[in-house]
Amino acid sequence: GTTGPLVGAEGDISLDDFTSGTETTIGEGKSEKVLGVKVSADDGSDVAINTMKIVIDQPNVGAGESTRLERYIEGVNIYMDSTKVGSVDVSDFSKSGTVYTKSVSLSNAVVRRDANAKFYVEVEAKSDISSELLDNTWKLGLTSVRFTDAMGVVNTITVDTSDVALITFEFESATENDK
């Protein structure tokens, strides 16, 4: 289960990305899971995943294009398998240049020892994205994960892009896939 006391002693985690169940295009007014991360707990302890720090960047900004994230998204959710364990509004992100970051607090996100769980980062697109902004490309990734083991020790690991790559996604008109 994902709740209850943590069992074991000292514990650690490892991360790997995956693409199954994720999308790279988000329609206006839609929510899509764009990043998948498998969190594996070692055999020492159950771990509670406390926060995941998200980074969103628009690296190739053209002349006259907006880098204001609030023109594109409403918020970001984090799921553990099919259960939402965290969410954040776009207004809560910090901005530096074209880069937005936010540590998303998670609840009831326990990975049992010697097991793994799939986490997804979902982006909620605004329903009224200006047509001139739809072909802009964004990147999303994790920069750190904070967790607690059964001994009560809180650890933060820096996410290596060789384990969890930055993914690229874009937005499309709500009528793009109409049949």
N, C-alpha and C. Protein backbone atom coordinates (compact mmCIF):
# COMPACT_ATOMS: atom_id res chain seq x y z
N GLY A 1 0.81 -1.20 0.00
CA GLY A 1 0.00 0.00 0.00
C GLY A 1 0.84 1.25 0.00
N THR A 2 0.20 2.38 -0.18
CA THR A 2 0.93 3.65 -0.24
C THR A 2 0.81 4.45 1.04
N THR A 3 0.15 3.90 2.05
CA THR A 3 0.06 4.59 3.33
C THR A 3 0.49 3.63 4.43
N GLY A 4 0.52 4.11 5.64
CA GLY A 4 0.92 3.28 6.77
C GLY A 4 2.36 3.55 7.15
N PRO A 5 2.78 2.94 8.26
CA PRO A 5 4.14 3.19 8.75
C PRO A 5 5.20 2.65 7.80
N LEU A 6 6.34 3.32 7.83
CA LEU A 6 7.48 2.87 7.03
C LEU A 6 8.18 1.74 7.80
N VAL A 7 8.57 0.69 7.08
CA VAL A 7 9.19 -0.48 7.70
C VAL A 7 10.61 -0.62 7.18
N GLY A 8 11.55 -0.99 8.07
CA GLY A 8 12.93 -1.21 7.65
C GLY A 8 13.88 -0.36 8.46
N ALA A 9 15.04 -0.12 7.88
CA ALA A 9 16.09 0.66 8.53
C ALA A 9 16.46 1.82 7.62
N GLU A 10 17.72 1.88 7.17
CA GLU A 10 18.13 2.92 6.24
C GLU A 10 17.70 2.53 4.83
N GLY A 11 17.26 3.52 4.06
CA GLY A 11 16.82 3.23 2.71
C GLY A 11 17.31 4.26 1.71
N ASP A 12 17.28 3.86 0.46
CA ASP A 12 17.69 4.75 -0.62
C ASP A 12 16.78 4.46 -1.82
N ILE A 13 16.83 5.35 -2.78
CA ILE A 13 16.02 5.19 -3.99
C ILE A 13 16.89 5.35 -5.23
N SER A 14 16.38 4.84 -6.34
CA SER A 14 16.96 5.11 -7.65
C SER A 14 15.83 5.49 -8.59
N LEU A 15 16.17 6.23 -9.64
CA LEU A 15 15.18 6.75 -10.58
C LEU A 15 15.52 6.35 -12.00
N ASP A 16 14.49 6.06 -12.78
CA ASP A 16 14.62 5.82 -14.21
C ASP A 16 13.40 6.41 -14.89
N ASP A 17 13.59 6.99 -16.07
CA ASP A 17 12.43 7.52 -16.79
C ASP A 17 11.86 6.45 -17.71
N PHE A 18 10.62 6.67 -18.14
CA PHE A 18 9.96 5.80 -19.10
C PHE A 18 8.95 6.64 -19.88
N THR A 19 8.54 6.17 -21.05
CA THR A 19 7.62 6.94 -21.88
C THR A 19 6.25 6.29 -22.03
N SER A 20 6.09 5.07 -21.60
CA SER A 20 4.80 4.39 -21.69
C SER A 20 3.74 5.16 -20.91
N GLY A 21 2.63 5.48 -21.57
CA GLY A 21 1.54 6.21 -20.92
C GLY A 21 1.72 7.71 -20.89
N THR A 22 2.72 8.23 -21.61
CA THR A 22 2.95 9.68 -21.63
C THR A 22 2.70 10.23 -23.03
N GLU A 23 2.50 11.52 -23.12
CA GLU A 23 2.25 12.23 -24.38
C GLU A 23 3.25 13.37 -24.53
N THR A 24 3.50 13.78 -25.77
CA THR A 24 4.38 14.92 -26.01
C THR A 24 3.61 16.12 -26.55
N THR A 25 2.32 15.96 -26.79
CA THR A 25 1.48 17.06 -27.26
C THR A 25 0.26 17.17 -26.35
N ILE A 26 -0.03 18.40 -25.94
CA ILE A 26 -1.16 18.66 -25.05
C ILE A 26 -2.14 19.58 -25.76
N GLY A 27 -3.37 19.16 -25.91
CA GLY A 27 -4.41 19.98 -26.51
C GLY A 27 -4.89 21.05 -25.55
N GLU A 28 -5.31 22.17 -26.10
CA GLU A 28 -5.87 23.24 -25.27
C GLU A 28 -6.97 22.68 -24.37
N GLY A 29 -6.95 23.06 -23.10
CA GLY A 29 -7.98 22.63 -22.17
C GLY A 29 -7.85 21.18 -21.72
N LYS A 30 -6.79 20.51 -22.11
CA LYS A 30 -6.59 19.10 -21.75
C LYS A 30 -5.48 18.97 -20.71
N SER A 31 -5.44 17.82 -20.07
CA SER A 31 -4.36 17.46 -19.15
C SER A 31 -3.71 16.20 -19.68
N GLU A 32 -2.39 16.21 -19.77
CA GLU A 32 -1.67 15.04 -20.27
C GLU A 32 -0.47 14.75 -19.38
N LYS A 33 -0.22 13.46 -19.19
CA LYS A 33 0.98 13.02 -18.48
C LYS A 33 2.13 13.08 -19.48
N VAL A 34 3.14 13.91 -19.18
CA VAL A 34 4.23 14.14 -20.13
C VAL A 34 5.54 13.50 -19.70
N LEU A 35 5.69 13.18 -18.41
CA LEU A 35 6.93 12.58 -17.92
C LEU A 35 6.60 11.41 -17.02
N GLY A 36 7.27 10.29 -17.25
CA GLY A 36 7.13 9.12 -16.39
C GLY A 36 8.44 8.82 -15.70
N VAL A 37 8.38 8.57 -14.38
CA VAL A 37 9.58 8.29 -13.59
C VAL A 37 9.30 7.07 -12.71
N LYS A 38 10.14 6.05 -12.84
CA LYS A 38 10.04 4.89 -11.96
C LYS A 38 10.95 5.12 -10.76
N VAL A 39 10.36 5.08 -9.56
CA VAL A 39 11.11 5.23 -8.33
C VAL A 39 11.24 3.84 -7.71
N SER A 40 12.48 3.41 -7.51
CA SER A 40 12.74 2.09 -6.92
C SER A 40 13.36 2.28 -5.54
N ALA A 41 12.77 1.60 -4.54
CA ALA A 41 13.33 1.62 -3.18
C ALA A 41 14.27 0.42 -3.05
N ASP A 42 15.40 0.62 -2.37
CA ASP A 42 16.31 -0.50 -2.15
C ASP A 42 15.70 -1.46 -1.11
N ASP A 43 16.43 -2.53 -0.77
CA ASP A 43 15.88 -3.52 0.15
C ASP A 43 16.08 -3.16 1.62
N GLY A 44 16.57 -1.94 1.90
CA GLY A 44 16.80 -1.53 3.28
C GLY A 44 15.58 -0.97 3.98
N SER A 45 14.69 -0.31 3.24
CA SER A 45 13.60 0.39 3.91
C SER A 45 12.50 0.79 2.92
N ASP A 46 11.29 0.91 3.46
CA ASP A 46 10.24 1.62 2.75
C ASP A 46 10.65 3.09 2.71
N VAL A 47 10.19 3.82 1.72
CA VAL A 47 10.48 5.26 1.66
C VAL A 47 9.21 6.03 1.33
N ALA A 48 9.09 7.20 1.94
CA ALA A 48 8.00 8.13 1.63
C ALA A 48 8.58 9.22 0.75
N ILE A 49 8.04 9.36 -0.44
CA ILE A 49 8.50 10.42 -1.35
C ILE A 49 7.80 11.71 -0.91
N ASN A 50 8.60 12.70 -0.46
CA ASN A 50 8.05 13.94 0.10
C ASN A 50 7.81 15.02 -0.94
N THR A 51 8.82 15.26 -1.79
CA THR A 51 8.69 16.30 -2.82
C THR A 51 9.42 15.87 -4.09
N MET A 52 8.95 16.40 -5.20
CA MET A 52 9.64 16.30 -6.48
C MET A 52 9.76 17.72 -7.01
N LYS A 53 10.98 18.14 -7.33
CA LYS A 53 11.19 19.49 -7.86
C LYS A 53 11.13 19.44 -9.38
N ILE A 54 10.19 20.19 -9.93
CA ILE A 54 9.92 20.24 -11.36
C ILE A 54 10.62 21.44 -11.97
N VAL A 55 11.16 21.28 -13.17
CA VAL A 55 11.70 22.38 -13.94
C VAL A 55 11.00 22.38 -15.30
N ILE A 56 10.53 23.55 -15.71
CA ILE A 56 9.92 23.74 -17.03
C ILE A 56 10.64 24.88 -17.71
N ASP A 57 11.06 24.67 -18.96
CA ASP A 57 11.86 25.66 -19.66
C ASP A 57 11.38 25.77 -21.10
N GLN A 58 11.46 26.97 -21.63
CA GLN A 58 11.21 27.21 -23.05
C GLN A 58 12.53 27.69 -23.64
N PRO A 59 13.38 26.74 -24.08
CA PRO A 59 14.75 27.10 -24.43
C PRO A 59 14.93 27.83 -25.76
N ASN A 60 14.03 27.65 -26.70
CA ASN A 60 14.20 28.25 -28.04
C ASN A 60 13.14 29.29 -28.30
N VAL A 61 13.24 30.39 -27.59
CA VAL A 61 12.25 31.45 -27.69
C VAL A 61 12.55 32.31 -28.91
N GLY A 62 11.55 32.45 -29.77
CA GLY A 62 11.69 33.30 -30.95
C GLY A 62 11.28 34.72 -30.64
N ALA A 63 11.57 35.60 -31.56
CA ALA A 63 11.21 37.01 -31.39
C ALA A 63 9.69 37.14 -31.27
N GLY A 64 9.24 37.88 -30.28
CA GLY A 64 7.82 38.12 -30.08
C GLY A 64 7.07 36.99 -29.41
N GLU A 65 7.73 35.87 -29.07
CA GLU A 65 7.06 34.76 -28.42
C GLU A 65 7.04 34.98 -26.91
N SER A 66 6.00 34.51 -26.27
CA SER A 66 5.87 34.68 -24.83
C SER A 66 6.54 33.53 -24.09
N THR A 67 7.26 33.87 -23.03
CA THR A 67 7.86 32.87 -22.14
C THR A 67 7.08 32.78 -20.84
N ARG A 68 5.95 33.44 -20.77
CA ARG A 68 5.13 33.45 -19.55
C ARG A 68 4.34 32.15 -19.46
N LEU A 69 4.74 31.28 -18.54
CA LEU A 69 4.14 29.97 -18.39
C LEU A 69 2.63 30.03 -18.17
N GLU A 70 2.17 31.07 -17.49
CA GLU A 70 0.74 31.20 -17.21
C GLU A 70 -0.11 31.43 -18.46
N ARG A 71 0.51 31.72 -19.58
CA ARG A 71 -0.23 31.82 -20.85
C ARG A 71 -0.49 30.45 -21.47
N TYR A 72 0.18 29.43 -20.93
CA TYR A 72 0.10 28.09 -21.50
C TYR A 72 -0.57 27.07 -20.58
N ILE A 73 -0.25 27.12 -19.27
CA ILE A 73 -0.76 26.07 -18.39
C ILE A 73 -1.49 26.63 -17.17
N GLU A 74 -2.35 25.77 -16.61
CA GLU A 74 -3.06 26.09 -15.36
C GLU A 74 -2.27 25.57 -14.16
N GLY A 75 -1.68 24.37 -14.31
CA GLY A 75 -0.97 23.77 -13.19
C GLY A 75 -0.31 22.47 -13.59
N VAL A 76 0.32 21.84 -12.59
CA VAL A 76 1.02 20.57 -12.77
C VAL A 76 0.57 19.62 -11.65
N ASN A 77 0.31 18.37 -12.03
CA ASN A 77 -0.08 17.34 -11.06
C ASN A 77 0.96 16.23 -11.10
N ILE A 78 1.10 15.55 -9.97
CA ILE A 78 1.96 14.37 -9.92
C ILE A 78 1.11 13.20 -9.47
N TYR A 79 1.21 12.11 -10.21
CA TYR A 79 0.48 10.89 -9.92
C TYR A 79 1.45 9.80 -9.53
N MET A 80 1.04 8.97 -8.58
CA MET A 80 1.72 7.71 -8.28
C MET A 80 0.80 6.64 -8.81
N ASP A 81 1.23 5.99 -9.88
CA ASP A 81 0.38 5.10 -10.65
C ASP A 81 -0.85 5.90 -11.09
N SER A 82 -2.06 5.56 -10.64
CA SER A 82 -3.25 6.30 -11.08
C SER A 82 -3.79 7.25 -10.01
N THR A 83 -3.08 7.40 -8.90
CA THR A 83 -3.54 8.24 -7.79
C THR A 83 -2.79 9.56 -7.77
N LYS A 84 -3.55 10.68 -7.76
CA LYS A 84 -2.91 12.00 -7.66
C LYS A 84 -2.35 12.16 -6.26
N VAL A 85 -1.03 12.44 -6.16
CA VAL A 85 -0.37 12.59 -4.86
C VAL A 85 0.17 14.01 -4.65
N GLY A 86 0.06 14.86 -5.66
CA GLY A 86 0.53 16.24 -5.52
C GLY A 86 0.06 17.10 -6.66
N SER A 87 -0.08 18.40 -6.40
CA SER A 87 -0.45 19.34 -7.45
C SER A 87 0.02 20.73 -7.06
N VAL A 88 0.18 21.56 -8.09
CA VAL A 88 0.63 22.93 -7.88
C VAL A 88 0.05 23.81 -8.98
N ASP A 89 -0.33 25.03 -8.62
CA ASP A 89 -0.82 26.00 -9.60
C ASP A 89 0.36 26.66 -10.30
N VAL A 90 0.15 27.12 -11.51
CA VAL A 90 1.21 27.76 -12.27
C VAL A 90 1.75 29.00 -11.55
N SER A 91 0.90 29.68 -10.80
CA SER A 91 1.33 30.90 -10.10
C SER A 91 2.34 30.61 -8.97
N ASP A 92 2.47 29.35 -8.56
CA ASP A 92 3.40 28.98 -7.49
C ASP A 92 4.82 28.72 -7.98
N PHE A 93 5.04 28.68 -9.29
CA PHE A 93 6.38 28.43 -9.83
C PHE A 93 7.25 29.68 -9.68
N SER A 94 8.54 29.48 -9.48
CA SER A 94 9.52 30.57 -9.48
C SER A 94 10.11 30.65 -10.87
N LYS A 95 10.42 31.88 -11.30
CA LYS A 95 10.95 32.10 -12.66
C LYS A 95 12.33 32.71 -12.61
N SER A 96 13.21 32.21 -13.48
CA SER A 96 14.53 32.79 -13.69
C SER A 96 14.81 32.71 -15.18
N GLY A 97 14.71 33.83 -15.86
CA GLY A 97 14.85 33.83 -17.32
C GLY A 97 13.67 33.11 -17.94
N THR A 98 13.95 32.04 -18.70
CA THR A 98 12.88 31.24 -19.31
C THR A 98 12.61 29.98 -18.52
N VAL A 99 13.26 29.82 -17.35
CA VAL A 99 13.17 28.59 -16.56
C VAL A 99 12.25 28.79 -15.36
N TYR A 100 11.28 27.87 -15.20
CA TYR A 100 10.36 27.87 -14.07
C TYR A 100 10.64 26.64 -13.22
N THR A 101 10.65 26.79 -11.89
CA THR A 101 10.88 25.67 -10.99
C THR A 101 9.89 25.69 -9.84
N LYS A 102 9.60 24.51 -9.32
CA LYS A 102 8.73 24.40 -8.14
C LYS A 102 8.90 23.02 -7.52
N SER A 103 9.09 22.98 -6.18
CA SER A 103 9.07 21.72 -5.45
C SER A 103 7.62 21.41 -5.12
N VAL A 104 7.15 20.27 -5.60
CA VAL A 104 5.76 19.86 -5.41
C VAL A 104 5.71 18.89 -4.23
N SER A 105 4.97 19.25 -3.19
CA SER A 105 4.80 18.38 -2.03
C SER A 105 3.87 17.23 -2.38
N LEU A 106 4.25 16.02 -1.94
CA LEU A 106 3.47 14.82 -2.22
C LEU A 106 2.91 14.27 -0.92
N SER A 107 1.75 13.62 -1.00
CA SER A 107 1.17 12.99 0.18
C SER A 107 0.81 11.54 -0.15
N ASN A 108 0.98 10.68 0.83
CA ASN A 108 0.68 9.25 0.69
C ASN A 108 1.40 8.62 -0.49
N ALA A 109 2.66 8.98 -0.68
CA ALA A 109 3.46 8.44 -1.79
C ALA A 109 4.57 7.56 -1.20
N VAL A 110 4.19 6.36 -0.77
CA VAL A 110 5.13 5.44 -0.14
C VAL A 110 5.51 4.35 -1.13
N VAL A 111 6.82 4.15 -1.28
CA VAL A 111 7.33 3.04 -2.09
C VAL A 111 7.90 2.03 -1.11
N ARG A 112 7.34 0.82 -1.13
CA ARG A 112 7.77 -0.23 -0.20
C ARG A 112 9.15 -0.74 -0.57
N ARG A 113 9.89 -1.22 0.44
CA ARG A 113 11.27 -1.67 0.21
C ARG A 113 11.31 -2.79 -0.82
N ASP A 114 12.37 -2.75 -1.61
CA ASP A 114 12.62 -3.72 -2.67
C ASP A 114 11.48 -3.75 -3.69
N ALA A 115 10.85 -2.60 -3.90
CA ALA A 115 9.76 -2.49 -4.87
C ALA A 115 9.93 -1.17 -5.63
N ASN A 116 9.06 -0.95 -6.60
CA ASN A 116 9.10 0.31 -7.33
C ASN A 116 7.69 0.79 -7.59
N ALA A 117 7.59 2.07 -7.95
CA ALA A 117 6.31 2.69 -8.28
C ALA A 117 6.54 3.64 -9.45
N LYS A 118 5.51 3.77 -10.26
CA LYS A 118 5.57 4.69 -11.39
C LYS A 118 4.93 6.01 -11.00
N PHE A 119 5.68 7.08 -11.23
CA PHE A 119 5.18 8.44 -11.00
C PHE A 119 5.06 9.13 -12.35
N TYR A 120 4.02 9.94 -12.50
CA TYR A 120 3.80 10.71 -13.73
C TYR A 120 3.68 12.18 -13.39
N VAL A 121 4.24 13.03 -14.25
CA VAL A 121 4.05 14.48 -14.14
C VAL A 121 3.06 14.86 -15.24
N GLU A 122 1.94 15.43 -14.82
CA GLU A 122 0.86 15.81 -15.74
C GLU A 122 0.78 17.33 -15.84
N VAL A 123 0.63 17.83 -17.05
CA VAL A 123 0.50 19.26 -17.30
C VAL A 123 -0.94 19.55 -17.69
N GLU A 124 -1.55 20.56 -17.04
CA GLU A 124 -2.91 21.01 -17.36
C GLU A 124 -2.81 22.23 -18.27
N ALA A 125 -3.18 22.09 -19.53
CA ALA A 125 -3.10 23.20 -20.49
C ALA A 125 -4.28 24.15 -20.31
N LYS A 126 -4.03 25.42 -20.54
CA LYS A 126 -5.10 26.42 -20.54
C LYS A 126 -6.03 26.13 -21.73
N SER A 127 -7.27 26.55 -21.60
CA SER A 127 -8.23 26.30 -22.68
C SER A 127 -8.22 27.39 -23.74
N ASP A 128 -7.46 28.47 -23.51
CA ASP A 128 -7.46 29.61 -24.44
C ASP A 128 -6.04 30.08 -24.77
N ILE A 129 -5.22 29.17 -25.25
CA ILE A 129 -3.85 29.53 -25.63
C ILE A 129 -3.90 30.27 -26.97
N SER A 130 -3.25 31.41 -27.06
CA SER A 130 -3.22 32.18 -28.31
C SER A 130 -2.63 31.32 -29.43
N SER A 131 -3.22 31.41 -30.61
CA SER A 131 -2.81 30.56 -31.72
C SER A 131 -1.33 30.75 -32.09
N GLU A 132 -0.80 31.96 -31.92
CA GLU A 132 0.61 32.19 -32.26
C GLU A 132 1.56 31.55 -31.26
N LEU A 133 1.05 31.07 -30.12
CA LEU A 133 1.90 30.44 -29.11
C LEU A 133 1.88 28.92 -29.18
N LEU A 134 0.99 28.37 -30.00
CA LEU A 134 0.79 26.92 -29.99
C LEU A 134 1.98 26.11 -30.48
N ASP A 135 2.81 26.66 -31.34
CA ASP A 135 3.91 25.86 -31.86
C ASP A 135 5.22 26.04 -31.09
N ASN A 136 5.14 26.64 -29.90
CA ASN A 136 6.33 26.77 -29.05
C ASN A 136 6.64 25.44 -28.38
N THR A 137 7.91 25.13 -28.26
CA THR A 137 8.35 23.89 -27.65
C THR A 137 8.85 24.15 -26.23
N TRP A 138 8.46 23.27 -25.30
CA TRP A 138 8.85 23.37 -23.90
C TRP A 138 9.60 22.12 -23.49
N LYS A 139 10.40 22.23 -22.43
CA LYS A 139 11.09 21.08 -21.83
C LYS A 139 10.66 20.98 -20.37
N LEU A 140 10.52 19.75 -19.88
CA LEU A 140 10.13 19.51 -18.51
C LEU A 140 10.99 18.39 -17.94
N GLY A 141 11.37 18.52 -16.68
CA GLY A 141 12.15 17.48 -16.03
C GLY A 141 12.10 17.60 -14.52
N LEU A 142 12.79 16.70 -13.85
CA LEU A 142 12.95 16.73 -12.41
C LEU A 142 14.37 17.16 -12.09
N THR A 143 14.54 17.99 -11.06
CA THR A 143 15.89 18.35 -10.64
C THR A 143 16.28 17.69 -9.32
N SER A 144 15.28 17.37 -8.47
CA SER A 144 15.57 16.69 -7.21
C SER A 144 14.34 15.97 -6.69
N VAL A 145 14.59 14.97 -5.83
CA VAL A 145 13.53 14.23 -5.15
C VAL A 145 13.93 14.13 -3.68
N ARG A 146 13.01 14.48 -2.80
CA ARG A 146 13.24 14.38 -1.35
C ARG A 146 12.38 13.24 -0.81
N PHE A 147 13.00 12.40 0.05
CA PHE A 147 12.29 11.25 0.60
C PHE A 147 12.72 10.99 2.03
N THR A 148 11.91 10.22 2.77
CA THR A 148 12.19 9.84 4.15
C THR A 148 12.21 8.32 4.23
N ASP A 149 13.23 7.76 4.92
CA ASP A 149 13.26 6.32 5.11
C ASP A 149 12.65 5.95 6.46
N ALA A 150 12.64 4.65 6.79
CA ALA A 150 12.00 4.18 8.02
C ALA A 150 12.71 4.65 9.29
N MET A 151 13.97 5.07 9.19
CA MET A 151 14.70 5.60 10.34
C MET A 151 14.36 7.07 10.59
N GLY A 152 13.57 7.66 9.70
CA GLY A 152 13.21 9.07 9.82
C GLY A 152 14.20 10.01 9.19
N VAL A 153 15.19 9.47 8.49
CA VAL A 153 16.20 10.29 7.84
C VAL A 153 15.63 10.84 6.53
N VAL A 154 15.73 12.16 6.38
CA VAL A 154 15.26 12.82 5.16
C VAL A 154 16.47 13.01 4.24
N ASN A 155 16.35 12.53 3.02
CA ASN A 155 17.41 12.65 2.02
C ASN A 155 16.88 13.39 0.80
N THR A 156 17.75 14.12 0.15
CA THR A 156 17.42 14.75 -1.13
C THR A 156 18.44 14.28 -2.15
N ILE A 157 17.96 13.75 -3.25
CA ILE A 157 18.87 13.36 -4.32
C ILE A 157 18.70 14.30 -5.50
N THR A 158 19.81 14.64 -6.10
CA THR A 158 19.80 15.43 -7.32
C THR A 158 19.58 14.47 -8.47
N VAL A 159 18.66 14.83 -9.35
CA VAL A 159 18.31 13.96 -10.46
C VAL A 159 19.30 14.17 -11.60
N ASP A 160 19.89 13.09 -12.03
CA ASP A 160 20.86 13.09 -13.12
C ASP A 160 20.08 12.91 -14.43
N THR A 161 20.34 13.76 -15.42
CA THR A 161 19.60 13.66 -16.68
C THR A 161 19.91 12.37 -17.44
N SER A 162 20.94 11.62 -17.04
CA SER A 162 21.16 10.31 -17.67
C SER A 162 20.16 9.29 -17.12
N ASP A 163 19.57 9.55 -15.95
CA ASP A 163 18.55 8.67 -15.37
C ASP A 163 17.14 9.13 -15.75
N VAL A 164 16.90 10.43 -15.64
CA VAL A 164 15.60 11.01 -15.98
C VAL A 164 15.87 12.19 -16.91
N ALA A 165 15.65 11.96 -18.19
CA ALA A 165 15.94 12.98 -19.20
C ALA A 165 14.89 14.08 -19.20
N LEU A 166 15.30 15.27 -19.64
CA LEU A 166 14.34 16.33 -19.90
C LEU A 166 13.50 15.90 -21.10
N ILE A 167 12.20 16.04 -20.99
CA ILE A 167 11.34 15.68 -22.12
C ILE A 167 10.89 16.96 -22.81
N THR A 168 10.56 16.84 -24.07
CA THR A 168 10.09 17.97 -24.87
C THR A 168 8.60 17.78 -25.13
N PHE A 169 7.83 18.86 -24.95
CA PHE A 169 6.41 18.79 -25.26
C PHE A 169 5.96 20.11 -25.86
N GLU A 170 4.76 20.10 -26.46
CA GLU A 170 4.19 21.30 -27.06
C GLU A 170 2.68 21.28 -26.91
N PHE A 171 2.07 22.38 -27.25
CA PHE A 171 0.63 22.52 -27.15
C PHE A 171 0.03 22.57 -28.55
N GLU A 172 -1.23 22.12 -28.66
CA GLU A 172 -1.92 22.20 -29.94
C GLU A 172 -3.33 22.73 -29.73
N SER A 173 -3.91 23.23 -30.79
CA SER A 173 -5.27 23.76 -30.76
C SER A 173 -6.24 22.67 -30.33
N ALA A 174 -7.29 23.08 -29.64
CA ALA A 174 -8.32 22.13 -29.19
C ALA A 174 -8.98 21.45 -30.37
N THR A 175 -8.97 22.09 -31.55
CA THR A 175 -9.61 21.52 -32.73
C THR A 175 -8.64 20.71 -33.59
N GLU A 176 -7.38 20.61 -33.20
CA GLU A 176 -6.36 19.92 -33.98
C GLU A 176 -6.71 18.48 -34.31
N ASN A 177 -7.24 17.74 -33.32
CA ASN A 177 -7.52 16.31 -33.52
C ASN A 177 -9.00 16.02 -33.71
N ASP A 178 -9.79 17.05 -34.01
CA ASP A 178 -11.22 16.81 -34.27
C ASP A 178 -11.38 15.96 -35.51
N LYS A 179 -12.35 15.07 -35.46
CA LYS A 179 -12.60 14.20 -36.63
C LYS A 179 -13.92 14.58 -37.28
